[in-house]
Amino acid sequence: MQKKAKLLILIVCMIAVVGIASVIGVIGLTSASSSSRSTEYVVMVSTSMEPSIYRGDIVKVENNPSKIQVGDIIIYNATWIPEEVLHRVIAVHKAENGTTYFIAKGDNNPAQDPEPVYQNQIVSKVLTSNGKPVVIPKIGYISLWIRGL
């Protein structure tokens, strides 16, 4: 009987942790385009960044980053689909008028994104620690399930 009680307590605790983390992910995703600089959490929706970031992982992001360079993982408002995209910057260029633009690509995608990314499209940048994205693995799956994704 004690084994069943311990197992039940463990399951309830795990559900509570996953639920709290999922709420954090949903809040982070819905407020990723706020105008003030802050740190939040975002749930990865696709498999385009594997193996760096997997679908269902939660990443820590800085909103409205001031400096973007090659290797940074950004979230931007895409012009080629009606959604935000989380991909890595693979090149930085200057247009003839002097405007800086970025080329992005999902680590798991065979080709770069079809359109350049301009600074005003960038919503946030994934924070890193020791050169790797700050990730909470798989906890965001519940928020994906809740949102039907």
C-alpha atoms as a PDB file:
ATOM      1  CA  MET A   1       0.000   0.000   0.000  1.00  0.00           C
ATOM      2  CA  GLN A   2       2.831   2.411   0.814  1.00  0.00           C
ATOM      3  CA  LYS A   3       4.353   1.840  -2.634  1.00  0.00           C
ATOM      4  CA  LYS A   4       1.086   2.875  -4.281  1.00  0.00           C
ATOM      5  CA  ALA A   5       0.853   6.009  -2.122  1.00  0.00           C
ATOM      6  CA  LYS A   6       4.461   7.001  -2.928  1.00  0.00           C
ATOM      7  CA  LEU A   7       3.852   6.394  -6.620  1.00  0.00           C
ATOM      8  CA  LEU A   8       0.689   8.500  -6.538  1.00  0.00           C
ATOM      9  CA  ILE A   9       2.503  11.355  -4.777  1.00  0.00           C
ATOM     10  CA  LEU A  10       5.326  11.160  -7.335  1.00  0.00           C
ATOM     11  CA  ILE A  11       2.872  11.279 -10.243  1.00  0.00           C
ATOM     12  CA  VAL A  12       0.991  14.265  -8.761  1.00  0.00           C
ATOM     13  CA  CYS A  13       4.272  16.144  -8.207  1.00  0.00           C
ATOM     14  CA  MET A  14       5.416  15.454 -11.775  1.00  0.00           C
ATOM     15  CA  ILE A  15       2.109  16.648 -13.188  1.00  0.00           C
ATOM     16  CA  ALA A  16       2.354  19.842 -11.115  1.00  0.00           C
ATOM     17  CA  VAL A  17       5.898  20.573 -12.333  1.00  0.00           C
ATOM     18  CA  VAL A  18       4.994  19.916 -15.966  1.00  0.00           C
ATOM     19  CA  GLY A  19       1.863  22.060 -15.649  1.00  0.00           C
ATOM     20  CA  ILE A  20       3.744  25.008 -14.164  1.00  0.00           C
ATOM     21  CA  ALA A  21       6.483  24.784 -16.787  1.00  0.00           C
ATOM     22  CA  SER A  22       3.893  24.578 -19.560  1.00  0.00           C
ATOM     23  CA  VAL A  23       2.135  27.679 -18.286  1.00  0.00           C
ATOM     24  CA  ILE A  24       5.494  29.467 -18.276  1.00  0.00           C
ATOM     25  CA  GLY A  25       6.000  28.346 -21.888  1.00  0.00           C
ATOM     26  CA  VAL A  26       2.567  29.538 -22.987  1.00  0.00           C
ATOM     27  CA  ILE A  27       3.065  32.892 -21.282  1.00  0.00           C
ATOM     28  CA  GLY A  28       6.508  33.252 -22.852  1.00  0.00           C
ATOM     29  CA  LEU A  29       5.241  32.383 -26.311  1.00  0.00           C
ATOM     30  CA  THR A  30       2.276  34.721 -26.189  1.00  0.00           C
ATOM     31  CA  SER A  31       4.291  37.652 -24.894  1.00  0.00           C
ATOM     32  CA  ALA A  32       7.392  37.194 -27.030  1.00  0.00           C
ATOM     33  CA  SER A  33       6.548  40.296 -29.051  1.00  0.00           C
ATOM     34  CA  SER A  34       6.275  42.712 -26.132  1.00  0.00           C
ATOM     35  CA  SER A  35       8.140  45.953 -26.620  1.00  0.00           C
ATOM     36  CA  SER A  36      10.118  46.057 -23.358  1.00  0.00           C
ATOM     37  CA  ARG A  37      13.411  44.226 -22.979  1.00  0.00           C
ATOM     38  CA  SER A  38      12.914  41.212 -20.746  1.00  0.00           C
ATOM     39  CA  THR A  39      13.775  37.550 -20.383  1.00  0.00           C
ATOM     40  CA  GLU A  40      11.042  35.013 -20.983  1.00  0.00           C
ATOM     41  CA  TYR A  41      10.488  31.399 -22.013  1.00  0.00           C
ATOM     42  CA  VAL A  42       9.235  30.096 -25.352  1.00  0.00           C
ATOM     43  CA  VAL A  43       8.111  26.610 -26.407  1.00  0.00           C
ATOM     44  CA  MET A  44       9.710  25.187 -29.570  1.00  0.00           C
ATOM     45  CA  VAL A  45       6.867  24.199 -31.894  1.00  0.00           C
ATOM     46  CA  SER A  46       8.681  22.500 -34.795  1.00  0.00           C
ATOM     47  CA  THR A  47      11.592  20.136 -35.418  1.00  0.00           C
ATOM     48  CA  SER A  48      13.533  22.640 -37.538  1.00  0.00           C
ATOM     49  CA  MET A  49      16.206  23.290 -34.883  1.00  0.00           C
ATOM     50  CA  GLU A  50      17.024  19.697 -33.939  1.00  0.00           C
ATOM     51  CA  PRO A  51      19.387  18.567 -32.505  1.00  0.00           C
ATOM     52  CA  SER A  52      20.065  21.918 -30.798  1.00  0.00           C
ATOM     53  CA  ILE A  53      16.445  22.443 -29.720  1.00  0.00           C
ATOM     54  CA  TYR A  54      13.762  19.761 -29.974  1.00  0.00           C
ATOM     55  CA  ARG A  55      10.015  20.156 -30.437  1.00  0.00           C
ATOM     56  CA  GLY A  56       8.493  20.597 -26.981  1.00  0.00           C
ATOM     57  CA  ASP A  57      11.643  22.085 -25.443  1.00  0.00           C
ATOM     58  CA  ILE A  58      11.340  25.397 -23.651  1.00  0.00           C
ATOM     59  CA  VAL A  59      14.040  27.974 -24.414  1.00  0.00           C
ATOM     60  CA  LYS A  60      14.970  31.065 -22.468  1.00  0.00           C
ATOM     61  CA  VAL A  61      14.907  34.223 -24.621  1.00  0.00           C
ATOM     62  CA  GLU A  62      15.798  37.893 -24.384  1.00  0.00           C
ATOM     63  CA  ASN A  63      13.194  40.150 -25.968  1.00  0.00           C
ATOM     64  CA  ASN A  64      14.316  42.988 -28.259  1.00  0.00           C
ATOM     65  CA  PRO A  65      18.023  42.064 -28.343  1.00  0.00           C
ATOM     66  CA  SER A  66      20.385  44.868 -29.268  1.00  0.00           C
ATOM     67  CA  LYS A  67      23.125  42.835 -30.959  1.00  0.00           C
ATOM     68  CA  ILE A  68      22.703  39.893 -33.340  1.00  0.00           C
ATOM     69  CA  GLN A  69      25.607  37.957 -34.822  1.00  0.00           C
ATOM     70  CA  VAL A  70      26.269  34.774 -36.779  1.00  0.00           C
ATOM     71  CA  GLY A  71      25.425  31.744 -34.643  1.00  0.00           C
ATOM     72  CA  ASP A  72      22.712  33.458 -32.598  1.00  0.00           C
ATOM     73  CA  ILE A  73      19.316  31.771 -32.516  1.00  0.00           C
ATOM     74  CA  ILE A  74      16.581  34.332 -33.071  1.00  0.00           C
ATOM     75  CA  ILE A  75      12.811  34.491 -33.123  1.00  0.00           C
ATOM     76  CA  TYR A  76      11.532  36.730 -35.888  1.00  0.00           C
ATOM     77  CA  ASN A  77       8.319  37.721 -37.619  1.00  0.00           C
ATOM     78  CA  ALA A  78       8.615  35.947 -40.943  1.00  0.00           C
ATOM     79  CA  THR A  79       7.428  37.518 -44.180  1.00  0.00           C
ATOM     80  CA  TRP A  80       7.095  34.143 -45.891  1.00  0.00           C
ATOM     81  CA  ILE A  81       4.668  32.562 -43.383  1.00  0.00           C
ATOM     82  CA  PRO A  82       2.204  34.216 -40.968  1.00  0.00           C
ATOM     83  CA  GLU A  83       4.076  33.019 -37.864  1.00  0.00           C
ATOM     84  CA  GLU A  84       7.139  33.717 -35.793  1.00  0.00           C
ATOM     85  CA  VAL A  85      10.161  31.577 -36.710  1.00  0.00           C
ATOM     86  CA  LEU A  86      12.916  30.356 -34.373  1.00  0.00           C
ATOM     87  CA  HIS A  87      16.091  29.790 -36.453  1.00  0.00           C
ATOM     88  CA  ARG A  88      19.833  30.386 -36.326  1.00  0.00           C
ATOM     89  CA  VAL A  89      21.579  33.338 -38.004  1.00  0.00           C
ATOM     90  CA  ILE A  90      24.024  31.938 -40.573  1.00  0.00           C
ATOM     91  CA  ALA A  91      25.113  35.221 -42.214  1.00  0.00           C
ATOM     92  CA  VAL A  92      24.999  38.984 -41.708  1.00  0.00           C
ATOM     93  CA  HIS A  93      24.964  41.327 -44.742  1.00  0.00           C
ATOM     94  CA  LYS A  94      24.580  45.002 -45.561  1.00  0.00           C
ATOM     95  CA  ALA A  95      22.196  46.143 -48.260  1.00  0.00           C
ATOM     96  CA  GLU A  96      23.232  48.863 -50.734  1.00  0.00           C
ATOM     97  CA  ASN A  97      21.393  51.423 -48.599  1.00  0.00           C
ATOM     98  CA  GLY A  98      23.479  50.390 -45.548  1.00  0.00           C
ATOM     99  CA  THR A  99      20.707  48.438 -43.807  1.00  0.00           C
ATOM    100  CA  THR A 100      21.888  45.296 -42.043  1.00  0.00           C
ATOM    101  CA  TYR A 101      19.997  42.100 -42.736  1.00  0.00           C
ATOM    102  CA  PHE A 102      20.412  38.507 -41.629  1.00  0.00           C
ATOM    103  CA  ILE A 103      20.158  35.112 -43.287  1.00  0.00           C
ATOM    104  CA  ALA A 104      18.585  32.475 -41.036  1.00  0.00           C
ATOM    105  CA  LYS A 105      18.251  28.710 -41.238  1.00  0.00           C
ATOM    106  CA  GLY A 106      16.873  25.945 -39.084  1.00  0.00           C
ATOM    107  CA  ASP A 107      19.675  23.591 -38.011  1.00  0.00           C
ATOM    108  CA  ASN A 108      17.585  20.645 -39.244  1.00  0.00           C
ATOM    109  CA  ASN A 109      16.571  22.282 -42.539  1.00  0.00           C
ATOM    110  CA  PRO A 110      18.423  21.599 -45.807  1.00  0.00           C
ATOM    111  CA  ALA A 111      18.202  25.223 -47.021  1.00  0.00           C
ATOM    112  CA  GLN A 112      18.226  28.719 -45.583  1.00  0.00           C
ATOM    113  CA  ASP A 113      14.994  30.586 -44.973  1.00  0.00           C
ATOM    114  CA  PRO A 114      13.548  32.001 -48.219  1.00  0.00           C
ATOM    115  CA  GLU A 115      13.629  35.670 -47.194  1.00  0.00           C
ATOM    116  CA  PRO A 116      16.223  37.852 -45.432  1.00  0.00           C
ATOM    117  CA  VAL A 117      15.510  38.989 -41.875  1.00  0.00           C
ATOM    118  CA  TYR A 118      15.750  42.688 -40.962  1.00  0.00           C
ATOM    119  CA  GLN A 119      16.365  44.047 -37.462  1.00  0.00           C
ATOM    120  CA  ASN A 120      12.768  45.286 -37.110  1.00  0.00           C
ATOM    121  CA  GLN A 121      11.496  41.709 -37.636  1.00  0.00           C
ATOM    122  CA  ILE A 122      13.511  40.266 -34.741  1.00  0.00           C
ATOM    123  CA  VAL A 123      11.437  39.686 -31.621  1.00  0.00           C
ATOM    124  CA  SER A 124      13.924  37.907 -29.368  1.00  0.00           C
ATOM    125  CA  LYS A 125      17.153  35.963 -29.140  1.00  0.00           C
ATOM    126  CA  VAL A 126      17.631  32.592 -27.442  1.00  0.00           C
ATOM    127  CA  LEU A 127      19.992  32.936 -24.495  1.00  0.00           C
ATOM    128  CA  THR A 128      23.010  30.650 -24.331  1.00  0.00           C
ATOM    129  CA  SER A 129      25.247  29.201 -21.658  1.00  0.00           C
ATOM    130  CA  ASN A 130      28.694  27.946 -22.686  1.00  0.00           C
ATOM    131  CA  GLY A 131      27.682  28.379 -26.333  1.00  0.00           C
ATOM    132  CA  LYS A 132      24.558  26.200 -26.090  1.00  0.00           C
ATOM    133  CA  PRO A 133      20.940  27.382 -25.931  1.00  0.00           C
ATOM    134  CA  VAL A 134      19.371  27.500 -22.466  1.00  0.00           C
ATOM    135  CA  VAL A 135      16.783  24.709 -22.782  1.00  0.00           C
ATOM    136  CA  ILE A 136      14.323  22.971 -20.469  1.00  0.00           C
ATOM    137  CA  PRO A 137      13.802  19.695 -22.355  1.00  0.00           C
ATOM    138  CA  LYS A 138      10.358  18.429 -23.398  1.00  0.00           C
ATOM    139  CA  ILE A 139       8.346  20.257 -20.714  1.00  0.00           C
ATOM    140  CA  GLY A 140       6.570  22.358 -23.340  1.00  0.00           C
ATOM    141  CA  TYR A 141       4.757  19.370 -24.846  1.00  0.00           C
ATOM    142  CA  ILE A 142       1.772  19.983 -22.591  1.00  0.00           C
ATOM    143  CA  SER A 143       1.348  23.543 -23.862  1.00  0.00           C
ATOM    144  CA  LEU A 144       1.602  22.235 -27.457  1.00  0.00           C
ATOM    145  CA  TRP A 145      -1.098  19.701 -26.665  1.00  0.00           C
ATOM    146  CA  ILE A 146      -3.313  22.341 -25.010  1.00  0.00           C
ATOM    147  CA  ARG A 147      -2.961  24.610 -28.059  1.00  0.00           C
ATOM    148  CA  GLY A 148      -3.544  21.722 -30.476  1.00  0.00           C
ATOM    149  CA  LEU A 149      -0.114  21.970 -32.103  1.00  0.00           C
END
